[in-house]
PDB file of N, CA and C in Angstrom:
ATOM      1  N   UNK A   1      51.521 140.650  72.390  1.00  0.00           N
ATOM      2  CA  UNK A   1      52.905 140.430  71.999  1.00  0.00           C
ATOM      3  C   UNK A   1      53.788 141.590  72.460  1.00  0.00           C
ATOM      4  N   UNK A   2      53.264 142.791  72.331  1.00  0.00           N
ATOM      5  CA  UNK A   2      54.038 143.965  72.715  1.00  0.00           C
ATOM      6  C   UNK A   2      54.328 143.950  74.221  1.00  0.00           C
ATOM      7  N   UNK A   3      53.350 143.512  75.019  1.00  0.00           N
ATOM      8  CA  UNK A   3      53.550 143.438  76.471  1.00  0.00           C
ATOM      9  C   UNK A   3      54.647 142.447  76.826  1.00  0.00           C
ATOM     10  N   UNK A   4      54.694 141.337  76.130  1.00  0.00           N
ATOM     11  CA  UNK A   4      55.705 140.317  76.390  1.00  0.00           C
ATOM     12  C   UNK A   4      57.095 140.865  76.103  1.00  0.00           C
ATOM     13  N   UNK A   5      57.230 141.579  75.006  1.00  0.00           N
ATOM     14  CA  UNK A   5      58.527 142.155  74.639  1.00  0.00           C
ATOM     15  C   UNK A   5      58.944 143.198  75.675  1.00  0.00           C
ATOM     16  N   UNK A   6      58.018 144.055  76.062  1.00  0.00           N
ATOM     17  CA  UNK A   6      58.336 145.082  77.054  1.00  0.00           C
ATOM     18  C   UNK A   6      58.692 144.471  78.405  1.00  0.00           C
ATOM     19  N   UNK A   7      57.954 143.452  78.817  1.00  0.00           N
ATOM     20  CA  UNK A   7      58.278 142.779  80.080  1.00  0.00           C
ATOM     21  C   UNK A   7      59.630 142.076  80.007  1.00  0.00           C
ATOM     22  N   UNK A   8      59.944 141.504  78.863  1.00  0.00           N
ATOM     23  CA  UNK A   8      61.251 140.857  78.697  1.00  0.00           C
ATOM     24  C   UNK A   8      62.377 141.866  78.798  1.00  0.00           C
ATOM     25  N   UNK A   9      62.198 143.008  78.173  1.00  0.00           N
ATOM     26  CA  UNK A   9      63.227 144.067  78.234  1.00  0.00           C
ATOM     27  C   UNK A   9      63.366 144.570  79.660  1.00  0.00           C
ATOM     28  N   UNK A  10      62.254 144.792  80.340  1.00  0.00           N
ATOM     29  CA  UNK A  10      62.283 145.266  81.722  1.00  0.00           C
ATOM     30  C   UNK A  10      62.984 144.260  82.633  1.00  0.00           C
ATOM     31  N   UNK A  11      62.641 142.999  82.506  1.00  0.00           N
ATOM     32  CA  UNK A  11      63.255 141.956  83.323  1.00  0.00           C
ATOM     33  C   UNK A  11      64.755 141.871  83.080  1.00  0.00           C
ATOM     34  N   UNK A  12      65.167 141.913  81.830  1.00  0.00           N
ATOM     35  CA  UNK A  12      66.592 141.844  81.487  1.00  0.00           C
ATOM     36  C   UNK A  12      67.340 143.039  82.057  1.00  0.00           C
ATOM     37  N   UNK A  13      66.755 144.216  81.951  1.00  0.00           N
ATOM     38  CA  UNK A  13      67.400 145.427  82.471  1.00  0.00           C
ATOM     39  C   UNK A  13      67.556 145.353  83.985  1.00  0.00           C
ATOM     40  N   UNK A  14      66.512 144.955  84.672  1.00  0.00           N
ATOM     41  CA  UNK A  14      66.585 144.872  86.135  1.00  0.00           C
ATOM     42  C   UNK A  14      67.542 143.784  86.596  1.00  0.00           C
ATOM     43  N   UNK A  15      67.560 142.669  85.909  1.00  0.00           N
ATOM     44  CA  UNK A  15      68.443 141.564  86.281  1.00  0.00           C
ATOM     45  C   UNK A  15      69.901 141.934  86.096  1.00  0.00           C
ATOM     46  N   UNK A  16      70.227 142.559  84.988  1.00  0.00           N
ATOM     47  CA  UNK A  16      71.625 142.905  84.730  1.00  0.00           C
ATOM     48  C   UNK A  16      72.097 144.011  85.668  1.00  0.00           C
ATOM     49  N   UNK A  17      71.212 144.900  86.063  1.00  0.00           N
ATOM     50  CA  UNK A  17      71.583 145.961  86.988  1.00  0.00           C
ATOM     51  C   UNK A  17      71.924 145.433  88.363  1.00  0.00           C
ATOM     52  N   UNK A  18      71.201 144.439  88.835  1.00  0.00           N
ATOM     53  CA  UNK A  18      71.475 143.899  90.166  1.00  0.00           C
ATOM     54  C   UNK A  18      72.763 143.086  90.180  1.00  0.00           C
ATOM     55  N   UNK A  19      73.103 142.447  89.084  1.00  0.00           N
ATOM     56  CA  UNK A  19      74.352 141.689  89.028  1.00  0.00           C
ATOM     57  C   UNK A  19      75.558 142.604  89.042  1.00  0.00           C
ATOM     58  N   UNK A  20      75.483 143.715  88.354  1.00  0.00           N
ATOM     59  CA  UNK A  20      76.629 144.617  88.311  1.00  0.00           C
ATOM     60  C   UNK A  20      76.779 145.401  89.606  1.00  0.00           C
ATOM     61  N   UNK A  21      75.729 145.489  90.414  1.00  0.00           N
ATOM     62  CA  UNK A  21      75.796 146.235  91.666  1.00  0.00           C
ATOM     63  C   UNK A  21      76.507 145.448  92.759  1.00  0.00           C
ATOM     64  N   UNK A  22      76.648 144.146  92.612  1.00  0.00           N
ATOM     65  CA  UNK A  22      77.298 143.341  93.623  1.00  0.00           C
ATOM     66  C   UNK A  22      78.813 143.401  93.433  1.00  0.00           C
ATOM     67  N   UNK A  23      79.499 143.903  94.447  1.00  0.00           N
ATOM     68  CA  UNK A  23      80.951 144.026  94.394  1.00  0.00           C
ATOM     69  C   UNK A  23      81.545 143.392  95.640  1.00  0.00           C
ATOM     70  N   UNK A  24      82.825 143.114  95.587  1.00  0.00           N
ATOM     71  CA  UNK A  24      83.505 142.565  96.750  1.00  0.00           C
ATOM     72  C   UNK A  24      83.479 143.563  97.889  1.00  0.00           C
ATOM     73  N   UNK A  25      83.406 143.060  99.088  1.00  0.00           N
ATOM     74  CA  UNK A  25      83.370 143.891 100.275  1.00  0.00           C
ATOM     75  C   UNK A  25      84.791 144.299 100.656  1.00  0.00           C
ATOM     76  N   UNK A  26      85.215 145.439 100.163  1.00  0.00           N
ATOM     77  CA  UNK A  26      86.556 145.948 100.441  1.00  0.00           C
ATOM     78  C   UNK A  26      86.452 147.429 100.807  1.00  0.00           C
ATOM     79  N   UNK A  27      87.440 147.892 101.532  1.00  0.00           N
ATOM     80  CA  UNK A  27      87.501 149.297 101.909  1.00  0.00           C
ATOM     81  C   UNK A  27      88.359 150.073 100.921  1.00  0.00           C
ATOM     82  N   UNK A  28      87.978 151.302 100.661  1.00  0.00           N
ATOM     83  CA  UNK A  28      88.816 152.173  99.840  1.00  0.00           C
ATOM     84  C   UNK A  28      89.968 152.679 100.698  1.00  0.00           C
ATOM     85  N   UNK A  29      90.982 153.238 100.068  1.00  0.00           N
ATOM     86  CA  UNK A  29      92.108 153.792 100.819  1.00  0.00           C
ATOM     87  C   UNK A  29      91.643 154.906 101.760  1.00  0.00           C
ATOM     88  N   UNK A  30      90.699 155.716 101.309  1.00  0.00           N
ATOM     89  CA  UNK A  30      90.188 156.797 102.147  1.00  0.00           C
ATOM     90  C   UNK A  30      89.477 156.243 103.378  1.00  0.00           C
ATOM     91  N   UNK A  31      88.691 155.193 103.210  1.00  0.00           N
ATOM     92  CA  UNK A  31      87.993 154.586 104.343  1.00  0.00           C
ATOM     93  C   UNK A  31      88.991 154.007 105.342  1.00  0.00           C
ATOM     94  N   UNK A  32      90.063 153.389 104.836  1.00  0.00           N
ATOM     95  CA  UNK A  32      91.095 152.855 105.731  1.00  0.00           C
ATOM     96  C   UNK A  32      91.759 153.976 106.518  1.00  0.00           C
ATOM     97  N   UNK A  33      92.056 155.107 105.860  1.00  0.00           N
ATOM     98  CA  UNK A  33      92.677 156.245 106.536  1.00  0.00           C
ATOM     99  C   UNK A  33      91.753 156.836 107.595  1.00  0.00           C
ATOM    100  N   UNK A  34      90.450 156.740 107.370  1.00  0.00           N
ATOM    101  CA  UNK A  34      89.482 157.272 108.324  1.00  0.00           C
ATOM    102  C   UNK A  34      89.243 156.323 109.499  1.00  0.00           C
ATOM    103  N   UNK A  35      89.858 155.126 109.455  1.00  0.00           N
ATOM    104  CA  UNK A  35      89.768 154.195 110.569  1.00  0.00           C
ATOM    105  C   UNK A  35      88.685 153.141 110.451  1.00  0.00           C
ATOM    106  N   UNK A  36      88.052 153.018 109.290  1.00  0.00           N
ATOM    107  CA  UNK A  36      87.017 152.018 109.101  1.00  0.00           C
ATOM    108  C   UNK A  36      87.632 150.628 109.039  1.00  0.00           C
ATOM    109  N   UNK A  37      86.897 149.630 109.541  1.00  0.00           N
ATOM    110  CA  UNK A  37      87.310 148.238 109.422  1.00  0.00           C
ATOM    111  C   UNK A  37      86.103 147.406 108.979  1.00  0.00           C
ATOM    112  N   UNK A  38      86.370 146.339 108.258  1.00  0.00           N
ATOM    113  CA  UNK A  38      85.302 145.450 107.825  1.00  0.00           C
ATOM    114  C   UNK A  38      84.855 144.577 108.990  1.00  0.00           C
ATOM    115  N   UNK A  39      83.570 144.302 109.072  1.00  0.00           N
ATOM    116  CA  UNK A  39      83.067 143.443 110.134  1.00  0.00           C
ATOM    117  C   UNK A  39      83.382 141.985 109.869  1.00  0.00           C
ATOM    118  N   UNK A  40      83.417 141.580 108.608  1.00  0.00           N
ATOM    119  CA  UNK A  40      83.667 140.183 108.263  1.00  0.00           C
ATOM    120  C   UNK A  40      84.547 140.134 107.028  1.00  0.00           C
ATOM    121  N   UNK A  41      85.636 139.361 107.115  1.00  0.00           N
ATOM    122  CA  UNK A  41      86.565 139.267 105.992  1.00  0.00           C
ATOM    123  C   UNK A  41      86.162 138.191 104.982  1.00  0.00           C
ATOM    124  N   UNK A  42      85.086 137.456 105.271  1.00  0.00           N
ATOM    125  CA  UNK A  42      84.627 136.410 104.364  1.00  0.00           C
ATOM    126  C   UNK A  42      85.304 135.078 104.572  1.00  0.00           C
ATOM    127  N   UNK A  43      86.230 135.003 105.530  1.00  0.00           N
ATOM    128  CA  UNK A  43      86.992 133.776 105.728  1.00  0.00           C
ATOM    129  C   UNK A  43      86.970 133.290 107.174  1.00  0.00           C
ATOM    130  N   UNK A  44      87.062 134.196 108.117  1.00  0.00           N
ATOM    131  CA  UNK A  44      87.188 133.785 109.512  1.00  0.00           C
ATOM    132  C   UNK A  44      86.376 134.716 110.413  1.00  0.00           C
ATOM    133  N   UNK A  45      86.301 134.363 111.674  1.00  0.00           N
ATOM    134  CA  UNK A  45      85.631 135.198 112.661  1.00  0.00           C
ATOM    135  C   UNK A  45      86.653 135.930 113.536  1.00  0.00           C
ATOM    136  N   UNK A  46      87.818 136.207 113.001  1.00  0.00           N
ATOM    137  CA  UNK A  46      88.842 136.936 113.759  1.00  0.00           C
ATOM    138  C   UNK A  46      88.277 138.275 114.232  1.00  0.00           C
ATOM    139  N   UNK A  47      88.432 138.544 115.523  1.00  0.00           N
ATOM    140  CA  UNK A  47      87.957 139.792 116.096  1.00  0.00           C
ATOM    141  C   UNK A  47      86.508 139.752 116.554  1.00  0.00           C
ATOM    142  N   UNK A  48      85.799 138.675 116.295  1.00  0.00           N
ATOM    143  CA  UNK A  48      84.413 138.546 116.708  1.00  0.00           C
ATOM    144  C   UNK A  48      84.357 137.925 118.100  1.00  0.00           C
ATOM    145  N   UNK A  49      83.266 138.142 118.794  1.00  0.00           N
ATOM    146  CA  UNK A  49      83.031 137.536 120.101  1.00  0.00           C
ATOM    147  C   UNK A  49      81.537 137.391 120.300  1.00  0.00           C
ATOM    148  N   UNK A  50      81.151 136.478 121.183  1.00  0.00           N
ATOM    149  CA  UNK A  50      79.734 136.356 121.483  1.00  0.00           C
ATOM    150  C   UNK A  50      79.343 137.427 122.492  1.00  0.00           C
ATOM    151  N   UNK A  51      78.058 137.677 122.600  1.00  0.00           N
ATOM    152  CA  UNK A  51      77.534 138.735 123.468  1.00  0.00           C
ATOM    153  C   UNK A  51      77.964 138.517 124.917  1.00  0.00           C
ATOM    154  N   UNK A  52      78.429 139.576 125.559  1.00  0.00           N
ATOM    155  CA  UNK A  52      78.849 139.553 126.956  1.00  0.00           C
ATOM    156  C   UNK A  52      79.966 138.572 127.239  1.00  0.00           C
ATOM    157  N   UNK A  53      80.871 138.401 126.296  1.00  0.00           N
ATOM    158  CA  UNK A  53      81.991 137.482 126.455  1.00  0.00           C
ATOM    159  C   UNK A  53      83.216 138.073 125.767  1.00  0.00           C
ATOM    160  N   UNK A  54      84.332 137.405 125.957  1.00  0.00           N
ATOM    161  CA  UNK A  54      85.565 137.862 125.304  1.00  0.00           C
ATOM    162  C   UNK A  54      86.025 136.920 124.201  1.00  0.00           C
ATOM    163  N   UNK A  55      85.284 135.815 124.007  1.00  0.00           N
ATOM    164  CA  UNK A  55      85.681 134.851 122.963  1.00  0.00           C
ATOM    165  C   UNK A  55      84.477 134.471 122.112  1.00  0.00           C
ATOM    166  N   UNK A  56      84.755 133.775 121.009  1.00  0.00           N
ATOM    167  CA  UNK A  56      83.712 133.343 120.097  1.00  0.00           C
ATOM    168  C   UNK A  56      83.183 131.984 120.535  1.00  0.00           C
ATOM    169  N   UNK A  57      81.897 131.781 120.331  1.00  0.00           N
ATOM    170  CA  UNK A  57      81.289 130.491 120.674  1.00  0.00           C
ATOM    171  C   UNK A  57      81.898 129.386 119.825  1.00  0.00           C
ATOM    172  N   UNK A  58      81.971 128.173 120.361  1.00  0.00           N
ATOM    173  CA  UNK A  58      82.592 127.054 119.657  1.00  0.00           C
ATOM    174  C   UNK A  58      81.796 126.639 118.427  1.00  0.00           C
ATOM    175  N   UNK A  59      80.504 126.835 118.439  1.00  0.00           N
ATOM    176  CA  UNK A  59      79.698 126.413 117.306  1.00  0.00           C
ATOM    177  C   UNK A  59      79.435 127.572 116.395  1.00  0.00           C
TER     178      UNK A  59
END
């Protein structure tokens, strides 16, 4: 019984920690000032291109 309780506590702790670690992919003001840009805005492929080309593949 004690093992079950300890495993339940461990599982709950690990599960809640991973949920709180997930945040939106955004840049801080300092990162923006340093010239960083996001690779993907989550909506479009603006600025992306296929390998050895200047445009994005149709598919």
